[in-house]
Structure formats: C-alpha cells, structure tokens
Amino acid sequence: MSVMKRMSMIFRSKANNALDRMEDPRETLDYSYQRQVEMLQKVRRGVADVATSRKRLELQISRIEGEHNKLTEQGRKALELGREDLARSALERRSGLDNQLADLRVQYQQLQGEEEKLVLAAQRLQAKVDAFRTRKETIKATYTAAEAQTRINEAFSGISEEMGDVGLAIQRAEDRTAQLQARAGAIDELLASGALEDYSGPRDDIQAELDRMGASSGVEIELERLKAELNQGSLQKQLDPGAQQAQPQGQPQDQRPQQGG
C-alpha cells in the first residue's frame, strides 16, 4: 500500500470517528421527522389546491347550467309567441353550452378523483408521520437514558480512579501530620527540660534556673517519700515476722487479740 493510500485511509478513519462523535441520533430523528411533516404539508396543500379547482369548476358548471336553463325557457316562450326564429337561436346557443358542460363535467370528475387520491395519500402519510413520531420519541428517550447511564458509569469509573489517588494523598497527609506532631512534642519536651533553648523570646537565665531547681526539688521530695514507705515496710516485718502467717484469712492485719475477762 502506498503512502498516499495509507494517509487517505487514516484521514477517512479519523474523519469518520469525528463525525460519529459529533452526530447526535436525536437530532437526526428530529430532522427526519421535520422533513416528513414538510412532505405532509405539501400533500395537504396539493389537496387544498385540487379542492379549490374543483370548487371553481362547480361554480362554472352551475353558472352554465343556469344559462342553459334560461335559453331553454327562452326558446319555449319564443315558440309560444310564434317566433320560431328566436326559438332556433336560443336552441343553437344552448347547444354550445351543452358541449362546454360536457367538458367541464369531465374535468370535474377527474379533479374529484385526484382529490380523493390525495386525501387518501395524506391520511396514510399522516398515519406514517404519527407512527414515526411515536417511534422517534421512544428512541430518543431510550438514547437519552443510555447516554445518562453511560455518563454515570464513566463518572463512577473516574471517581474510582481518582479515589485511589485521593487515598494515597490522605495517607501521605496523615503520615506527615503524625511526623509533625511527634516533632512538635519532642521539641516541647526539649524546651521544658532545658536541653533546647527557646530563642523566640528574651532569655531569662534566673527563671530558667529556678524552674530547673523546682523540677529537681519535686523529684527529690518524691524520691524521699518512696524511701520512707519502703523503710517503714521493712521495719514492720522485722518487729513482727510471724504476724501475717498467724493471722486468719480475711482478718485485718492490724487486729489485736481481745484480753481475758
């Protein structure tokens, strides 16, 4: 395959895909329906035109029939008055009208037949247009529902993909927050212990030393209290080593025996 043929095929393929993306079946259906409605309107106008022509022939025939009857009456009166010549003249004119009436009646029959055909065609076309309209609306509704479902599915798919990235971002944020909290706590402890100096404000060496001594004094007091408790417990064991063994179960340890009466 030559390069030009390949390029032509690729161009047609891309153009076809672009047309598919641009085409909306609902618009195509509406356009087809509009064309059918226009055709139906043309047929109806044709019916109206034929009916108008038929009506004109009816009026013309009615007028000529009136003249025909008038000439017949005039010929009769002429004969009654002994005017045969006038009667002959009236009959001759009436004969010409007979030919006109015959031609007009033929045309009238033809127009009437055409009108009936057009009316029947218009009725059939109307039925087809109505059926197409019903089918068109059904297809449009189905297409709209399918399009909406497709968009929803695509949205869910996109959300699922994005939620994975969001989950990773949240995990990284939580890890970073934990690191910052741990670092802040460590710095607070270092500042409190004096291992790390706070340069954010003016340095107060006297207050810092007093705080350190106060913290050390509290520790020393607690240490002395614990020593005292331990020494007291050891002294009691030395003074009464068998008190706990001889004491009945359930009796308080400091209960003394009652003196005799």
Protein backbone atom coordinates (compact mmCIF):
# COMPACT_ATOMS: atom_id res chain seq x y z
CA MET A 1 0.00 0.00 0.00
CA SER A 2 1.36 3.37 -1.00
CA VAL A 3 1.91 6.20 1.43
CA MET A 4 -0.85 8.30 -0.15
CA LYS A 5 -3.40 5.49 0.17
CA ARG A 6 -2.46 4.94 3.80
CA MET A 7 -2.76 8.65 4.54
CA SER A 8 -6.13 8.77 2.78
CA MET A 9 -7.39 5.79 4.77
CA ILE A 10 -6.18 7.29 8.05
CA PHE A 11 -7.81 10.62 7.20
CA ARG A 12 -11.14 8.96 6.35
CA SER A 13 -10.98 6.89 9.52
CA LYS A 14 -10.33 9.93 11.72
CA ALA A 15 -12.98 11.93 9.88
CA ASN A 16 -15.48 9.11 10.40
CA ASN A 17 -14.68 8.94 14.12
CA ALA A 18 -15.05 12.71 14.39
CA LEU A 19 -18.43 12.55 12.65
CA ASP A 20 -19.55 9.77 14.99
CA ARG A 21 -18.65 11.92 17.99
CA MET A 22 -20.41 14.94 16.51
CA GLU A 23 -23.55 13.10 15.37
CA ASP A 24 -26.49 13.06 17.73
CA PRO A 25 -29.13 10.46 16.70
CA ARG A 26 -31.82 12.55 18.38
CA GLU A 27 -31.08 15.48 16.08
CA THR A 28 -31.13 13.16 13.06
CA LEU A 29 -34.51 11.75 14.10
CA ASP A 30 -35.93 15.22 14.65
CA TYR A 31 -34.66 16.31 11.24
CA SER A 32 -36.20 13.25 9.54
CA TYR A 33 -39.49 13.90 11.31
CA GLN A 34 -39.42 17.54 10.24
CA ARG A 35 -38.87 16.50 6.62
CA GLN A 36 -41.83 14.13 6.79
CA VAL A 37 -44.00 16.86 8.27
CA GLU A 38 -42.97 19.17 5.42
CA MET A 39 -43.91 16.49 2.88
CA LEU A 40 -47.26 16.04 4.60
CA GLN A 41 -47.86 19.78 4.44
CA LYS A 42 -47.09 19.78 0.71
CA VAL A 43 -49.59 16.97 0.16
CA ARG A 44 -52.20 18.85 2.13
CA ARG A 45 -51.54 21.99 0.11
CA GLY A 46 -51.96 19.87 -3.02
CA VAL A 47 -55.29 18.60 -1.70
CA ALA A 48 -56.38 22.16 -0.98
CA ASP A 49 -55.34 23.31 -4.46
CA VAL A 50 -57.25 20.48 -6.13
CA ALA A 51 -60.27 21.13 -3.95
CA THR A 52 -60.13 24.82 -4.89
CA SER A 53 -60.01 23.95 -8.59
CA ARG A 54 -62.88 21.53 -8.18
CA LYS A 55 -64.91 24.20 -6.44
CA ARG A 56 -64.26 26.65 -9.28
CA LEU A 57 -65.48 24.06 -11.80
CA GLU A 58 -68.58 23.54 -9.70
CA LEU A 59 -69.34 27.24 -9.79
CA GLN A 60 -68.65 27.43 -13.53
CA ILE A 61 -70.82 24.41 -14.22
CA SER A 62 -73.57 25.86 -12.05
CA ARG A 63 -73.39 29.16 -13.95
CA ILE A 64 -73.51 27.49 -17.38
CA GLU A 65 -76.35 25.24 -16.27
CA GLY A 66 -78.23 28.38 -15.29
CA GLU A 67 -77.67 29.87 -18.75
CA HIS A 68 -78.65 26.55 -20.29
CA ASN A 69 -81.96 26.52 -18.44
CA LYS A 70 -82.53 30.18 -19.29
CA LEU A 71 -82.07 29.51 -23.04
CA THR A 72 -84.41 26.55 -22.85
CA GLU A 73 -87.08 28.71 -21.26
CA GLN A 74 -86.50 31.48 -23.81
CA GLY A 75 -86.92 29.01 -26.72
CA ARG A 76 -90.18 27.75 -25.26
CA LYS A 77 -91.58 31.24 -24.88
CA ALA A 78 -90.47 32.16 -28.41
CA LEU A 79 -92.39 29.19 -29.82
CA GLU A 80 -95.44 30.16 -27.80
CA LEU A 81 -95.28 33.62 -29.35
CA GLY A 82 -94.83 32.21 -32.87
CA ARG A 83 -91.21 33.29 -33.10
CA GLU A 84 -89.59 30.16 -34.39
CA ASP A 85 -86.51 32.07 -35.42
CA LEU A 86 -85.90 33.19 -31.85
CA ALA A 87 -86.52 29.71 -30.58
CA ARG A 88 -83.97 28.30 -33.07
CA SER A 89 -81.38 30.88 -32.00
CA ALA A 90 -81.88 30.03 -28.29
CA LEU A 91 -81.54 26.33 -29.02
CA GLU A 92 -78.33 26.91 -31.01
CA ARG A 93 -76.77 28.83 -28.09
CA ARG A 94 -77.89 26.12 -25.71
CA SER A 95 -76.21 23.51 -27.92
CA GLY A 96 -72.87 25.31 -27.50
CA LEU A 97 -73.37 25.33 -23.76
CA ASP A 98 -74.01 21.58 -23.84
CA ASN A 99 -70.50 20.99 -25.19
CA GLN A 100 -68.98 23.23 -22.53
CA LEU A 101 -70.91 21.49 -19.78
CA ALA A 102 -69.77 18.09 -21.05
CA ASP A 103 -66.10 19.16 -20.99
CA LEU A 104 -66.41 20.82 -17.56
CA ARG A 105 -68.11 17.76 -16.09
CA VAL A 106 -65.32 15.52 -17.37
CA GLN A 107 -62.73 17.81 -15.79
CA TYR A 108 -64.76 17.91 -12.62
CA GLN A 109 -64.79 14.12 -12.39
CA GLN A 110 -61.05 14.00 -12.97
CA LEU A 111 -60.36 16.60 -10.27
CA GLN A 112 -62.68 14.85 -7.88
CA GLY A 113 -60.79 11.58 -8.44
CA GLU A 114 -57.43 13.31 -7.93
CA GLU A 115 -58.72 14.97 -4.79
CA GLU A 116 -59.85 11.64 -3.34
CA LYS A 117 -56.45 10.09 -4.10
CA LEU A 118 -54.63 12.99 -2.49
CA VAL A 119 -56.87 12.89 0.57
CA LEU A 120 -56.21 9.15 0.94
CA ALA A 121 -52.46 9.70 0.45
CA ALA A 122 -52.50 12.49 3.02
CA GLN A 123 -54.29 10.26 5.52
CA ARG A 124 -51.78 7.43 5.00
CA LEU A 125 -48.85 9.82 5.22
CA GLN A 126 -50.32 11.32 8.39
CA ALA A 127 -50.55 7.86 9.92
CA LYS A 128 -46.92 7.15 8.98
CA VAL A 129 -45.77 10.50 10.36
CA ASP A 130 -47.63 9.86 13.63
CA ALA A 131 -46.12 6.37 13.89
CA PHE A 132 -42.65 7.73 13.15
CA ARG A 133 -43.11 10.45 15.75
CA THR A 134 -44.04 7.87 18.40
CA ARG A 135 -41.07 5.70 17.49
CA LYS A 136 -38.79 8.75 17.34
CA GLU A 137 -39.71 9.85 20.84
CA THR A 138 -39.26 6.30 22.15
CA ILE A 139 -35.80 6.03 20.57
CA LYS A 140 -34.83 9.48 21.85
CA ALA A 141 -35.93 8.60 25.38
CA THR A 142 -34.02 5.31 25.25
CA TYR A 143 -30.92 7.03 23.85
CA THR A 144 -31.09 9.77 26.49
CA ALA A 145 -31.38 7.17 29.26
CA ALA A 146 -28.47 5.15 27.83
CA GLU A 147 -26.38 8.31 27.47
CA ALA A 148 -27.10 9.30 31.07
CA GLN A 149 -26.24 5.80 32.31
CA THR A 150 -23.01 5.86 30.32
CA ARG A 151 -22.04 9.21 31.80
CA ILE A 152 -22.84 7.94 35.30
CA ASN A 153 -20.73 4.83 34.74
CA GLU A 154 -17.89 6.92 33.34
CA ALA A 155 -18.18 9.25 36.32
CA PHE A 156 -18.05 6.32 38.74
CA SER A 157 -15.06 4.93 36.88
CA GLY A 158 -13.32 8.28 37.07
CA ILE A 159 -14.20 8.63 40.74
CA SER A 160 -12.84 5.16 41.46
CA GLU A 161 -9.56 6.03 39.76
CA GLU A 162 -9.35 9.39 41.49
CA MET A 163 -10.26 7.90 44.88
CA GLY A 164 -7.15 5.73 44.68
CA ASP A 165 -5.03 8.84 44.24
CA VAL A 166 -7.02 10.59 46.96
CA GLY A 167 -6.45 7.65 49.31
CA LEU A 168 -2.71 7.86 48.74
CA ALA A 169 -2.78 11.60 49.28
CA ILE A 170 -4.72 11.18 52.53
CA GLN A 171 -2.27 8.52 53.74
CA ARG A 172 0.67 10.79 52.95
CA ALA A 173 -1.05 13.69 54.72
CA GLU A 174 -1.75 11.56 57.81
CA ASP A 175 1.85 10.32 57.89
CA ARG A 176 3.16 13.86 57.52
CA THR A 177 0.81 15.10 60.25
CA ALA A 178 1.99 12.34 62.62
CA GLN A 179 5.60 13.27 61.93
CA LEU A 180 4.94 16.94 62.61
CA GLN A 181 3.04 16.14 65.81
CA ALA A 182 5.88 13.90 67.04
CA ARG A 183 8.43 16.55 66.18
CA ALA A 184 6.41 19.25 67.95
CA GLY A 185 6.08 17.04 71.03
CA ALA A 186 9.79 16.31 71.09
CA ILE A 187 10.65 19.98 70.79
CA ASP A 188 8.25 20.80 73.64
CA GLU A 189 9.93 18.21 75.85
CA LEU A 190 13.38 19.52 74.99
CA LEU A 191 12.32 23.06 75.71
CA ALA A 192 10.74 22.04 79.00
CA SER A 193 13.84 20.14 80.12
CA GLY A 194 16.17 22.95 79.15
CA ALA A 195 18.08 20.81 76.70
CA LEU A 196 16.90 23.09 73.93
CA GLU A 197 16.84 26.82 74.42
CA ASP A 198 13.86 28.89 73.26
CA TYR A 199 15.19 31.80 71.19
CA SER A 200 11.73 33.05 70.29
CA GLY A 201 11.66 35.45 73.29
CA PRO A 202 14.12 37.22 75.64
CA ARG A 203 16.36 34.87 77.59
CA ASP A 204 15.74 34.75 81.40
CA ASP A 205 18.55 32.72 82.97
CA ILE A 206 17.35 33.26 86.56
CA GLN A 207 13.83 31.99 85.81
CA ALA A 208 15.19 29.06 83.86
CA GLU A 209 17.42 28.06 86.81
CA LEU A 210 14.53 28.43 89.26
CA ASP A 211 12.31 26.24 87.05
CA ARG A 212 15.05 23.62 86.84
CA MET A 213 15.60 23.65 90.60
CA GLY A 214 11.86 23.44 91.21
CA ALA A 215 11.61 20.41 88.97
CA SER A 216 14.63 18.78 90.68
CA SER A 217 13.22 19.57 94.13
CA GLY A 218 9.93 17.88 93.23
CA VAL A 219 11.76 14.81 92.09
CA GLU A 220 13.86 14.70 95.28
CA ILE A 221 10.78 15.04 97.51
CA GLU A 222 9.01 12.21 95.72
CA LEU A 223 12.15 10.05 95.97
CA GLU A 224 12.40 10.64 99.75
CA ARG A 225 8.72 9.77 100.18
CA LEU A 226 9.15 6.46 98.38
CA LYS A 227 12.24 5.66 100.51
CA ALA A 228 10.27 6.35 103.69
CA GLU A 229 7.48 4.00 102.62
CA LEU A 230 9.97 1.25 101.86
CA ASN A 231 11.80 1.70 105.18
CA GLN A 232 8.53 1.61 107.11
CA GLY A 233 7.50 -1.64 105.48
CA SER A 234 10.84 -3.25 106.25
CA LEU A 235 10.63 -2.17 109.92
CA GLN A 236 7.22 -3.75 110.41
CA LYS A 237 8.43 -7.07 109.04
CA GLN A 238 11.37 -7.06 111.42
CA LEU A 239 9.23 -6.32 114.51
CA ASP A 240 6.53 -8.96 113.83
CA PRO A 241 7.82 -11.54 111.35
CA GLY A 242 5.03 -14.13 112.06
CA ALA A 243 2.07 -11.78 112.22
CA GLN A 244 0.95 -12.32 108.71
CA GLN A 245 1.29 -16.12 108.92
CA ALA A 246 -0.69 -16.49 112.21
CA GLN A 247 -3.40 -14.05 111.17
CA PRO A 248 -6.59 -15.81 109.96
CA GLN A 249 -7.57 -15.28 106.34
CA GLY A 250 -9.99 -12.46 105.94
CA GLN A 251 -8.98 -10.68 109.17
CA PRO A 252 -7.35 -7.25 109.04
CA GLN A 253 -3.60 -7.32 109.69
CA ASP A 254 -3.70 -4.72 112.49
CA GLN A 255 -6.44 -6.54 114.53
CA ARG A 256 -5.21 -7.29 118.14
CA PRO A 257 -6.41 -10.31 120.25
CA GLN A 258 -9.01 -9.47 122.92
CA GLN A 259 -7.93 -9.55 126.62
CA GLY A 260 -9.49 -12.10 129.00
CA GLY A 261 -12.39 -11.12 131.25
